[in-house]
């Protein structure tokens, strides 16, 4: 039976340069792919910011790869 390891990356708009764009998200995906991670899911979410109780619009990007 194949086992997998998962990684979830919180992506806030600021991490993508203030505005989410396909090119910036593509770069993030390719960086993780180079380390053997495969995209599993992208979920829109309110991601907690560093300051204050509120959140900002962002993405939860889930990757998987076979466990070592």
PDB file of N, CA and C in Angstrom:
ATOM      1  N   UNK A   1       0.847  -1.183   0.000  1.00  0.00           N
ATOM      2  CA  UNK A   1       0.000   0.000   0.000  1.00  0.00           C
ATOM      3  C   UNK A   1       0.896   1.251   0.000  1.00  0.00           C
ATOM      4  N   UNK A   2       0.624   2.164  -0.912  1.00  0.00           N
ATOM      5  CA  UNK A   2       1.404   3.398  -1.012  1.00  0.00           C
ATOM      6  C   UNK A   2       1.007   4.361   0.103  1.00  0.00           C
ATOM      7  N   UNK A   3       1.983   4.946   0.760  1.00  0.00           N
ATOM      8  CA  UNK A   3       1.736   5.953   1.786  1.00  0.00           C
ATOM      9  C   UNK A   3       2.176   7.309   1.267  1.00  0.00           C
ATOM     10  N   UNK A   4       1.494   8.347   1.730  1.00  0.00           N
ATOM     11  CA  UNK A   4       1.776   9.694   1.252  1.00  0.00           C
ATOM     12  C   UNK A   4       2.056  10.633   2.416  1.00  0.00           C
ATOM     13  N   UNK A   5       2.798  11.676   2.107  1.00  0.00           N
ATOM     14  CA  UNK A   5       3.041  12.787   3.023  1.00  0.00           C
ATOM     15  C   UNK A   5       2.342  14.001   2.422  1.00  0.00           C
ATOM     16  N   UNK A   6       1.750  14.817   3.280  1.00  0.00           N
ATOM     17  CA  UNK A   6       1.024  15.996   2.803  1.00  0.00           C
ATOM     18  C   UNK A   6       1.631  17.266   3.360  1.00  0.00           C
ATOM     19  N   UNK A   7       1.481  18.332   2.600  1.00  0.00           N
ATOM     20  CA  UNK A   7       1.990  19.647   2.995  1.00  0.00           C
ATOM     21  C   UNK A   7       0.930  20.665   2.601  1.00  0.00           C
ATOM     22  N   UNK A   8       0.561  21.543   3.534  1.00  0.00           N
ATOM     23  CA  UNK A   8      -0.409  22.593   3.251  1.00  0.00           C
ATOM     24  C   UNK A   8       0.298  23.933   3.384  1.00  0.00           C
ATOM     25  N   UNK A   9       0.211  24.743   2.337  1.00  0.00           N
ATOM     26  CA  UNK A   9       0.844  26.057   2.324  1.00  0.00           C
ATOM     27  C   UNK A   9      -0.254  27.110   2.347  1.00  0.00           C
ATOM     28  N   UNK A  10      -0.171  28.036   3.311  1.00  0.00           N
ATOM     29  CA  UNK A  10      -1.103  29.162   3.367  1.00  0.00           C
ATOM     30  C   UNK A  10      -0.540  30.269   2.493  1.00  0.00           C
ATOM     31  N   UNK A  11      -1.322  30.725   1.546  1.00  0.00           N
ATOM     32  CA  UNK A  11      -0.869  31.773   0.641  1.00  0.00           C
ATOM     33  C   UNK A  11      -1.761  32.993   0.840  1.00  0.00           C
ATOM     34  N   UNK A  12      -1.169  34.050   1.370  1.00  0.00           N
ATOM     35  CA  UNK A  12      -1.889  35.310   1.522  1.00  0.00           C
ATOM     36  C   UNK A  12      -1.553  36.195   0.329  1.00  0.00           C
ATOM     37  N   UNK A  13      -2.429  37.140   0.054  1.00  0.00           N
ATOM     38  CA  UNK A  13      -2.201  38.028  -1.087  1.00  0.00           C
ATOM     39  C   UNK A  13      -0.841  38.713  -0.993  1.00  0.00           C
ATOM     40  N   UNK A  14      -0.424  39.110   0.215  1.00  0.00           N
ATOM     41  CA  UNK A  14       0.856  39.800   0.360  1.00  0.00           C
ATOM     42  C   UNK A  14       2.012  38.912  -0.074  1.00  0.00           C
ATOM     43  N   UNK A  15       1.911  37.612   0.159  1.00  0.00           N
ATOM     44  CA  UNK A  15       2.980  36.707  -0.238  1.00  0.00           C
ATOM     45  C   UNK A  15       3.084  36.601  -1.753  1.00  0.00           C
ATOM     46  N   UNK A  16       2.033  36.971  -2.441  1.00  0.00           N
ATOM     47  CA  UNK A  16       2.044  36.947  -3.901  1.00  0.00           C
ATOM     48  C   UNK A  16       2.228  38.351  -4.468  1.00  0.00           C
ATOM     49  N   UNK A  17       2.748  39.260  -3.664  1.00  0.00           N
ATOM     50  CA  UNK A  17       3.043  40.600  -4.152  1.00  0.00           C
ATOM     51  C   UNK A  17       1.873  41.561  -4.084  1.00  0.00           C
ATOM     52  N   UNK A  18       0.912  41.303  -3.204  1.00  0.00           N
ATOM     53  CA  UNK A  18      -0.208  42.225  -3.025  1.00  0.00           C
ATOM     54  C   UNK A  18      -1.441  41.849  -3.832  1.00  0.00           C
ATOM     55  N   UNK A  19      -1.271  41.060  -4.842  1.00  0.00           N
ATOM     56  CA  UNK A  19      -2.409  40.658  -5.656  1.00  0.00           C
ATOM     57  C   UNK A  19      -2.139  39.260  -6.197  1.00  0.00           C
ATOM     58  N   UNK A  20      -3.134  38.396  -6.060  1.00  0.00           N
ATOM     59  CA  UNK A  20      -2.950  37.043  -6.561  1.00  0.00           C
ATOM     60  C   UNK A  20      -2.966  37.058  -8.080  1.00  0.00           C
ATOM     61  N   UNK A  21      -2.022  36.345  -8.663  1.00  0.00           N
ATOM     62  CA  UNK A  21      -1.998  36.240 -10.117  1.00  0.00           C
ATOM     63  C   UNK A  21      -1.629  34.817 -10.489  1.00  0.00           C
ATOM     64  N   UNK A  22      -2.031  34.422 -11.675  1.00  0.00           N
ATOM     65  CA  UNK A  22      -1.726  33.084 -12.144  1.00  0.00           C
ATOM     66  C   UNK A  22      -0.234  32.825 -12.225  1.00  0.00           C
ATOM     67  N   UNK A  23       0.527  33.822 -12.680  1.00  0.00           N
ATOM     68  CA  UNK A  23       1.966  33.653 -12.818  1.00  0.00           C
ATOM     69  C   UNK A  23       2.666  33.419 -11.492  1.00  0.00           C
ATOM     70  N   UNK A  24       2.258  34.145 -10.468  1.00  0.00           N
ATOM     71  CA  UNK A  24       2.888  33.996  -9.155  1.00  0.00           C
ATOM     72  C   UNK A  24       2.507  32.662  -8.514  1.00  0.00           C
ATOM     73  N   UNK A  25       1.255  32.257  -8.690  1.00  0.00           N
ATOM     74  CA  UNK A  25       0.830  30.961  -8.170  1.00  0.00           C
ATOM     75  C   UNK A  25       1.539  29.832  -8.922  1.00  0.00           C
ATOM     76  N   UNK A  26       1.690  29.994 -10.224  1.00  0.00           N
ATOM     77  CA  UNK A  26       2.398  28.998 -11.030  1.00  0.00           C
ATOM     78  C   UNK A  26       3.841  28.832 -10.546  1.00  0.00           C
ATOM     79  N   UNK A  27       4.489  29.935 -10.215  1.00  0.00           N
ATOM     80  CA  UNK A  27       5.869  29.876  -9.716  1.00  0.00           C
ATOM     81  C   UNK A  27       5.923  29.078  -8.412  1.00  0.00           C
ATOM     82  N   UNK A  28       4.981  29.339  -7.504  1.00  0.00           N
ATOM     83  CA  UNK A  28       4.915  28.606  -6.232  1.00  0.00           C
ATOM     84  C   UNK A  28       4.731  27.112  -6.481  1.00  0.00           C
ATOM     85  N   UNK A  29       3.823  26.766  -7.383  1.00  0.00           N
ATOM     86  CA  UNK A  29       3.564  25.354  -7.684  1.00  0.00           C
ATOM     87  C   UNK A  29       4.803  24.686  -8.275  1.00  0.00           C
ATOM     88  N   UNK A  30       5.489  25.366  -9.177  1.00  0.00           N
ATOM     89  CA  UNK A  30       6.682  24.796  -9.799  1.00  0.00           C
ATOM     90  C   UNK A  30       7.825  24.630  -8.807  1.00  0.00           C
ATOM     91  N   UNK A  31       7.937  25.554  -7.851  1.00  0.00           N
ATOM     92  CA  UNK A  31       8.977  25.424  -6.825  1.00  0.00           C
ATOM     93  C   UNK A  31       8.758  24.163  -5.992  1.00  0.00           C
ATOM     94  N   UNK A  32       7.512  23.899  -5.619  1.00  0.00           N
ATOM     95  CA  UNK A  32       7.216  22.707  -4.832  1.00  0.00           C
ATOM     96  C   UNK A  32       7.334  21.439  -5.685  1.00  0.00           C
ATOM     97  N   UNK A  33       6.956  21.523  -6.949  1.00  0.00           N
ATOM     98  CA  UNK A  33       7.077  20.370  -7.842  1.00  0.00           C
ATOM     99  C   UNK A  33       8.538  19.960  -7.998  1.00  0.00           C
ATOM    100  N   UNK A  34       9.431  20.932  -8.009  1.00  0.00           N
ATOM    101  CA  UNK A  34      10.859  20.632  -8.134  1.00  0.00           C
ATOM    102  C   UNK A  34      11.365  19.821  -6.939  1.00  0.00           C
ATOM    103  N   UNK A  35      10.673  19.931  -5.802  1.00  0.00           N
ATOM    104  CA  UNK A  35      11.035  19.165  -4.603  1.00  0.00           C
ATOM    105  C   UNK A  35      10.242  17.857  -4.493  1.00  0.00           C
ATOM    106  N   UNK A  36       9.505  17.506  -5.552  1.00  0.00           N
ATOM    107  CA  UNK A  36       8.789  16.238  -5.565  1.00  0.00           C
ATOM    108  C   UNK A  36       7.347  16.304  -5.093  1.00  0.00           C
ATOM    109  N   UNK A  37       6.840  17.515  -4.807  1.00  0.00           N
ATOM    110  CA  UNK A  37       5.461  17.650  -4.346  1.00  0.00           C
ATOM    111  C   UNK A  37       4.519  17.750  -5.545  1.00  0.00           C
ATOM    112  N   UNK A  38       3.363  17.097  -5.438  1.00  0.00           N
ATOM    113  CA  UNK A  38       2.331  17.147  -6.464  1.00  0.00           C
ATOM    114  C   UNK A  38       1.124  17.876  -5.892  1.00  0.00           C
ATOM    115  N   UNK A  39       0.547  18.767  -6.691  1.00  0.00           N
ATOM    116  CA  UNK A  39      -0.632  19.508  -6.252  1.00  0.00           C
ATOM    117  C   UNK A  39      -1.788  18.554  -6.013  1.00  0.00           C
ATOM    118  N   UNK A  40      -2.424  18.681  -4.852  1.00  0.00           N
ATOM    119  CA  UNK A  40      -3.588  17.854  -4.515  1.00  0.00           C
ATOM    120  C   UNK A  40      -4.864  18.691  -4.578  1.00  0.00           C
ATOM    121  N   UNK A  41      -4.804  19.912  -4.017  1.00  0.00           N
ATOM    122  CA  UNK A  41      -6.004  20.763  -3.993  1.00  0.00           C
ATOM    123  C   UNK A  41      -5.621  22.215  -3.737  1.00  0.00           C
ATOM    124  N   UNK A  42      -6.461  23.118  -4.222  1.00  0.00           N
ATOM    125  CA  UNK A  42      -6.349  24.542  -3.897  1.00  0.00           C
ATOM    126  C   UNK A  42      -7.711  24.961  -3.362  1.00  0.00           C
ATOM    127  N   UNK A  43      -7.712  25.536  -2.167  1.00  0.00           N
ATOM    128  CA  UNK A  43      -8.953  25.937  -1.516  1.00  0.00           C
ATOM    129  C   UNK A  43      -8.895  27.413  -1.170  1.00  0.00           C
ATOM    130  N   UNK A  44      -9.925  28.149  -1.528  1.00  0.00           N
ATOM    131  CA  UNK A  44     -10.016  29.555  -1.144  1.00  0.00           C
ATOM    132  C   UNK A  44     -10.387  29.610   0.324  1.00  0.00           C
ATOM    133  N   UNK A  45      -9.714  30.494   1.074  1.00  0.00           N
ATOM    134  CA  UNK A  45      -9.968  30.560   2.516  1.00  0.00           C
ATOM    135  C   UNK A  45      -9.617  31.930   3.045  1.00  0.00           C
ATOM    136  N   UNK A  46     -10.150  32.227   4.221  1.00  0.00           N
ATOM    137  CA  UNK A  46      -9.728  33.419   4.941  1.00  0.00           C
ATOM    138  C   UNK A  46      -8.538  32.984   5.779  1.00  0.00           C
ATOM    139  N   UNK A  47      -7.373  33.530   5.475  1.00  0.00           N
ATOM    140  CA  UNK A  47      -6.133  33.139   6.132  1.00  0.00           C
ATOM    141  C   UNK A  47      -5.759  34.212   7.134  1.00  0.00           C
ATOM    142  N   UNK A  48      -5.428  33.789   8.363  1.00  0.00           N
ATOM    143  CA  UNK A  48      -5.082  34.757   9.398  1.00  0.00           C
ATOM    144  C   UNK A  48      -3.867  35.577   9.005  1.00  0.00           C
ATOM    145  N   UNK A  49      -3.978  36.879   9.217  1.00  0.00           N
ATOM    146  CA  UNK A  49      -2.854  37.771   8.973  1.00  0.00           C
ATOM    147  C   UNK A  49      -1.971  37.840  10.201  1.00  0.00           C
ATOM    148  N   UNK A  50      -0.873  38.549  10.081  1.00  0.00           N
ATOM    149  CA  UNK A  50       0.057  38.666  11.209  1.00  0.00           C
ATOM    150  C   UNK A  50      -0.428  39.653  12.257  1.00  0.00           C
ATOM    151  N   UNK A  51      -1.195  40.653  11.841  1.00  0.00           N
ATOM    152  CA  UNK A  51      -1.613  41.698  12.761  1.00  0.00           C
ATOM    153  C   UNK A  51      -3.127  41.698  12.895  1.00  0.00           C
ATOM    154  N   UNK A  52      -3.616  41.761  14.113  1.00  0.00           N
ATOM    155  CA  UNK A  52      -5.049  41.882  14.351  1.00  0.00           C
ATOM    156  C   UNK A  52      -5.775  40.551  14.263  1.00  0.00           C
ATOM    157  N   UNK A  53      -7.037  40.567  14.681  1.00  0.00           N
ATOM    158  CA  UNK A  53      -7.830  39.350  14.752  1.00  0.00           C
ATOM    159  C   UNK A  53      -8.419  38.910  13.417  1.00  0.00           C
ATOM    160  N   UNK A  54      -8.509  39.806  12.462  1.00  0.00           N
ATOM    161  CA  UNK A  54      -9.159  39.478  11.196  1.00  0.00           C
ATOM    162  C   UNK A  54      -8.276  38.669  10.284  1.00  0.00           C
ATOM    163  N   UNK A  55      -8.852  38.243   9.194  1.00  0.00           N
ATOM    164  CA  UNK A  55      -8.095  37.475   8.218  1.00  0.00           C
ATOM    165  C   UNK A  55      -8.070  38.198   6.892  1.00  0.00           C
ATOM    166  N   UNK A  56      -7.333  37.659   5.965  1.00  0.00           N
ATOM    167  CA  UNK A  56      -7.290  38.197   4.615  1.00  0.00           C
ATOM    168  C   UNK A  56      -7.623  37.056   3.666  1.00  0.00           C
ATOM    169  N   UNK A  57      -8.087  37.439   2.493  1.00  0.00           N
ATOM    170  CA  UNK A  57      -8.384  36.414   1.504  1.00  0.00           C
ATOM    171  C   UNK A  57      -7.093  35.721   1.100  1.00  0.00           C
ATOM    172  N   UNK A  58      -7.166  34.437   0.975  1.00  0.00           N
ATOM    173  CA  UNK A  58      -5.978  33.689   0.585  1.00  0.00           C
ATOM    174  C   UNK A  58      -6.349  32.314   0.089  1.00  0.00           C
ATOM    175  N   UNK A  59      -5.322  31.498  -0.058  1.00  0.00           N
ATOM    176  CA  UNK A  59      -5.496  30.141  -0.547  1.00  0.00           C
ATOM    177  C   UNK A  59      -4.809  29.161   0.387  1.00  0.00           C
ATOM    178  N   UNK A  60      -5.370  27.982   0.491  1.00  0.00           N
ATOM    179  CA  UNK A  60      -4.692  26.862   1.124  1.00  0.00           C
ATOM    180  C   UNK A  60      -4.335  25.930  -0.031  1.00  0.00           C
ATOM    181  N   UNK A  61      -3.044  25.740  -0.235  1.00  0.00           N
ATOM    182  CA  UNK A  61      -2.568  24.897  -1.338  1.00  0.00           C
ATOM    183  C   UNK A  61      -2.046  23.599  -0.724  1.00  0.00           C
ATOM    184  N   UNK A  62      -2.655  22.485  -1.088  1.00  0.00           N
ATOM    185  CA  UNK A  62      -2.293  21.184  -0.525  1.00  0.00           C
ATOM    186  C   UNK A  62      -1.496  20.383  -1.540  1.00  0.00           C
ATOM    187  N   UNK A  63      -0.351  19.879  -1.085  1.00  0.00           N
ATOM    188  CA  UNK A  63       0.523  19.058  -1.921  1.00  0.00           C
ATOM    189  C   UNK A  63       0.632  17.670  -1.308  1.00  0.00           C
ATOM    190  N   UNK A  64       0.975  16.684  -2.133  1.00  0.00           N
ATOM    191  CA  UNK A  64       1.257  15.348  -1.634  1.00  0.00           C
ATOM    192  C   UNK A  64       2.449  14.782  -2.391  1.00  0.00           C
ATOM    193  N   UNK A  65       3.121  13.840  -1.745  1.00  0.00           N
ATOM    194  CA  UNK A  65       4.175  13.067  -2.383  1.00  0.00           C
ATOM    195  C   UNK A  65       4.313  11.746  -1.636  1.00  0.00           C
ATOM    196  N   UNK A  66       4.826  10.742  -2.309  1.00  0.00           N
ATOM    197  CA  UNK A  66       4.992   9.452  -1.639  1.00  0.00           C
ATOM    198  C   UNK A  66       5.877   9.590  -0.404  1.00  0.00           C
ATOM    199  N   UNK A  67       5.495   8.919   0.680  1.00  0.00           N
ATOM    200  CA  UNK A  67       6.282   8.943   1.912  1.00  0.00           C
ATOM    201  C   UNK A  67       7.587   8.204   1.669  1.00  0.00           C
ATOM    202  N   UNK A  68       8.618   8.683   2.313  1.00  0.00           N
ATOM    203  CA  UNK A  68       9.942   8.053   2.165  1.00  0.00           C
ATOM    204  C   UNK A  68      10.124   6.933   3.153  1.00  0.00           C
TER     205      UNK A  68
END
